[in-house]
Amino acid sequence: MHKKNIVAIKAEPTEKYKDKFTGDFVIKSVFDKDDSNEQEMYNVTFKAGCRTRPHIHASEQILIAIEGKGVVVFAKRIKFDPDQITKTEIEVESTIMMEKGDVICVPAFVLHWHGCIDNKEDFTHIAIRKRTELDNIWF
């Protein structure tokens, strides 16, 4: 066991995640496999206007807002047009605004995305979830 400081952790290269975000971001892996066999934890800063792409996790994900204002959007369903595979429609079920101190638990296997509310300010959250053998599904 050893202590870590979120501020001192170096950001990961964005190339690894760039297809999973809609804009500029900074991501820091707080807990990797050497730190925890069961949990993973990230400090993510979404630069003004940035959000994740819609995705699904195989375990619950806890989001803790630590700076700025953000949003978490839960989708009811996603529709694909087989004749126009690039055309998709996502029906939103709910939208939850987050600000410093807010905590949300995203259920496993629920389509969602999260990030900045608008193009005016950055948003930072901590994301914690259980490690699984299954990869996230990204849209």
Protein backbone atom coordinates (compact mmCIF):
# COMPACT_ATOMS: atom_id res chain seq x y z
CA MET A 1 0.00 0.00 0.00
CA HIS A 2 1.15 3.48 -0.79
CA LYS A 3 -0.33 6.93 -0.99
CA LYS A 4 -0.89 8.80 -4.26
CA ASN A 5 -1.63 12.44 -4.97
CA ILE A 6 -4.10 13.09 -7.80
CA VAL A 7 -2.50 16.45 -8.59
CA ALA A 8 0.97 14.88 -8.96
CA ILE A 9 -0.11 12.01 -11.25
CA LYS A 10 1.00 12.51 -14.85
CA ALA A 11 -1.63 12.61 -17.58
CA GLU A 12 -1.84 9.66 -19.93
CA PRO A 13 -1.24 10.15 -23.66
CA THR A 14 -4.52 11.24 -25.24
CA GLU A 15 -3.95 9.09 -28.35
CA LYS A 16 -5.02 6.02 -26.35
CA TYR A 17 -8.48 7.52 -25.73
CA LYS A 18 -9.02 10.10 -28.48
CA ASP A 19 -11.73 8.09 -30.31
CA LYS A 20 -13.71 7.90 -27.05
CA PHE A 21 -14.08 11.67 -26.57
CA THR A 22 -15.60 14.48 -28.66
CA GLY A 23 -12.98 17.10 -27.87
CA ASP A 24 -9.93 17.91 -25.77
CA PHE A 25 -9.43 16.18 -22.42
CA VAL A 26 -6.86 15.19 -19.82
CA ILE A 27 -7.05 11.73 -18.23
CA LYS A 28 -5.03 10.45 -15.30
CA SER A 29 -5.11 6.83 -14.17
CA VAL A 30 -5.20 7.09 -10.37
CA PHE A 31 -5.40 3.34 -9.67
CA ASP A 32 -3.92 0.94 -12.18
CA LYS A 33 -3.61 -2.85 -11.86
CA ASP A 34 -0.54 -2.46 -9.64
CA ASP A 35 -2.54 -0.36 -7.16
CA SER A 36 -5.82 -2.30 -7.08
CA ASN A 37 -6.80 -5.70 -8.43
CA GLU A 38 -10.50 -4.88 -8.13
CA GLN A 39 -11.04 -1.18 -8.85
CA GLU A 40 -9.95 1.30 -11.47
CA MET A 41 -10.03 5.04 -10.86
CA TYR A 42 -9.51 7.95 -13.23
CA ASN A 43 -9.31 11.72 -12.86
CA VAL A 44 -10.78 13.14 -16.08
CA THR A 45 -10.84 16.79 -17.12
CA PHE A 46 -13.12 17.56 -20.04
CA LYS A 47 -11.97 20.74 -21.74
CA ALA A 48 -14.76 23.19 -22.60
CA GLY A 49 -17.38 21.38 -24.69
CA CYS A 50 -15.80 17.91 -24.51
CA ARG A 51 -17.81 14.79 -23.71
CA THR A 52 -17.33 11.05 -23.89
CA ARG A 53 -18.90 9.20 -26.76
CA PRO A 54 -21.91 7.05 -25.81
CA HIS A 55 -20.74 3.88 -24.10
CA ILE A 56 -21.63 0.96 -21.83
CA HIS A 57 -19.66 -0.49 -18.91
CA ALA A 58 -19.91 -4.06 -17.58
CA SER A 59 -19.86 -2.76 -13.99
CA GLU A 60 -21.31 0.20 -12.13
CA GLN A 61 -19.41 3.45 -12.50
CA ILE A 62 -19.29 6.10 -9.78
CA LEU A 63 -18.72 9.66 -10.98
CA ILE A 64 -17.66 12.36 -8.47
CA ALA A 65 -17.66 15.96 -9.75
CA ILE A 66 -14.68 17.88 -8.41
CA GLU A 67 -14.51 21.00 -10.59
CA GLY A 68 -16.79 22.89 -12.99
CA LYS A 69 -20.21 21.86 -14.25
CA GLY A 70 -20.95 18.68 -16.16
CA VAL A 71 -23.69 16.45 -17.44
CA VAL A 72 -24.48 12.73 -17.48
CA VAL A 73 -26.93 11.59 -20.15
CA PHE A 74 -28.68 8.22 -19.95
CA ALA A 75 -30.08 6.72 -23.15
CA LYS A 76 -33.23 4.65 -23.42
CA ARG A 77 -32.30 3.05 -26.72
CA ILE A 78 -30.13 3.40 -29.78
CA LYS A 79 -31.34 2.68 -33.32
CA PHE A 80 -29.18 1.81 -36.30
CA ASP A 81 -30.33 2.08 -39.90
CA PRO A 82 -28.92 -1.02 -41.69
CA ASP A 83 -29.03 0.83 -45.03
CA GLN A 84 -27.19 3.85 -43.65
CA ILE A 85 -24.91 2.38 -40.97
CA THR A 86 -23.47 5.80 -40.10
CA LYS A 87 -26.96 7.11 -39.26
CA THR A 88 -27.93 6.42 -35.66
CA GLU A 89 -30.67 7.74 -33.41
CA ILE A 90 -30.35 7.81 -29.64
CA GLU A 91 -33.43 8.29 -27.48
CA VAL A 92 -32.50 10.10 -24.27
CA GLU A 93 -34.07 8.79 -21.07
CA SER A 94 -32.70 11.36 -18.61
CA THR A 95 -30.12 14.09 -18.25
CA ILE A 96 -28.49 14.87 -14.91
CA MET A 97 -26.46 18.01 -14.31
CA MET A 98 -23.41 17.74 -12.03
CA GLU A 99 -21.40 20.32 -10.15
CA LYS A 100 -18.63 20.19 -7.58
CA GLY A 101 -19.43 17.64 -4.87
CA ASP A 102 -22.16 15.76 -6.76
CA VAL A 103 -21.95 11.96 -7.00
CA ILE A 104 -23.74 9.69 -9.48
CA CYS A 105 -23.72 5.90 -9.80
CA VAL A 106 -24.15 4.80 -13.41
CA PRO A 107 -25.63 1.28 -13.47
CA ALA A 108 -23.86 -1.51 -15.34
CA PHE A 109 -24.91 -2.09 -18.96
CA VAL A 110 -26.66 1.29 -19.31
CA LEU A 111 -25.88 3.37 -22.38
CA HIS A 112 -24.66 6.81 -21.28
CA TRP A 113 -22.17 9.60 -21.84
CA HIS A 114 -20.78 12.42 -19.71
CA GLY A 115 -18.71 15.58 -19.87
CA CYS A 116 -19.03 19.38 -20.06
CA ILE A 117 -22.38 21.13 -20.02
CA ASP A 118 -21.27 23.72 -22.58
CA ASN A 119 -18.30 25.28 -24.38
CA LYS A 120 -17.56 27.85 -21.67
CA GLU A 121 -15.80 25.93 -18.90
CA ASP A 122 -13.90 22.74 -18.14
CA PHE A 123 -15.39 19.94 -16.03
CA THR A 124 -13.43 17.45 -13.93
CA HIS A 125 -14.69 14.26 -12.32
CA ILE A 126 -13.30 11.17 -10.66
CA ALA A 127 -14.55 7.93 -12.24
CA ILE A 128 -14.41 4.68 -10.25
CA ARG A 129 -15.52 1.26 -11.38
CA LYS A 130 -14.82 -2.42 -10.84
CA ARG A 131 -12.35 -4.05 -13.19
CA THR A 132 -13.97 -6.58 -15.47
CA GLU A 133 -12.87 -8.98 -18.19
CA LEU A 134 -15.30 -7.27 -20.59
CA ASP A 135 -14.22 -4.18 -22.49
CA ASN A 136 -16.44 -1.12 -22.63
CA ILE A 137 -18.70 -0.87 -25.66
CA TRP A 138 -18.29 2.48 -27.45
CA PHE A 139 -20.59 4.07 -30.05
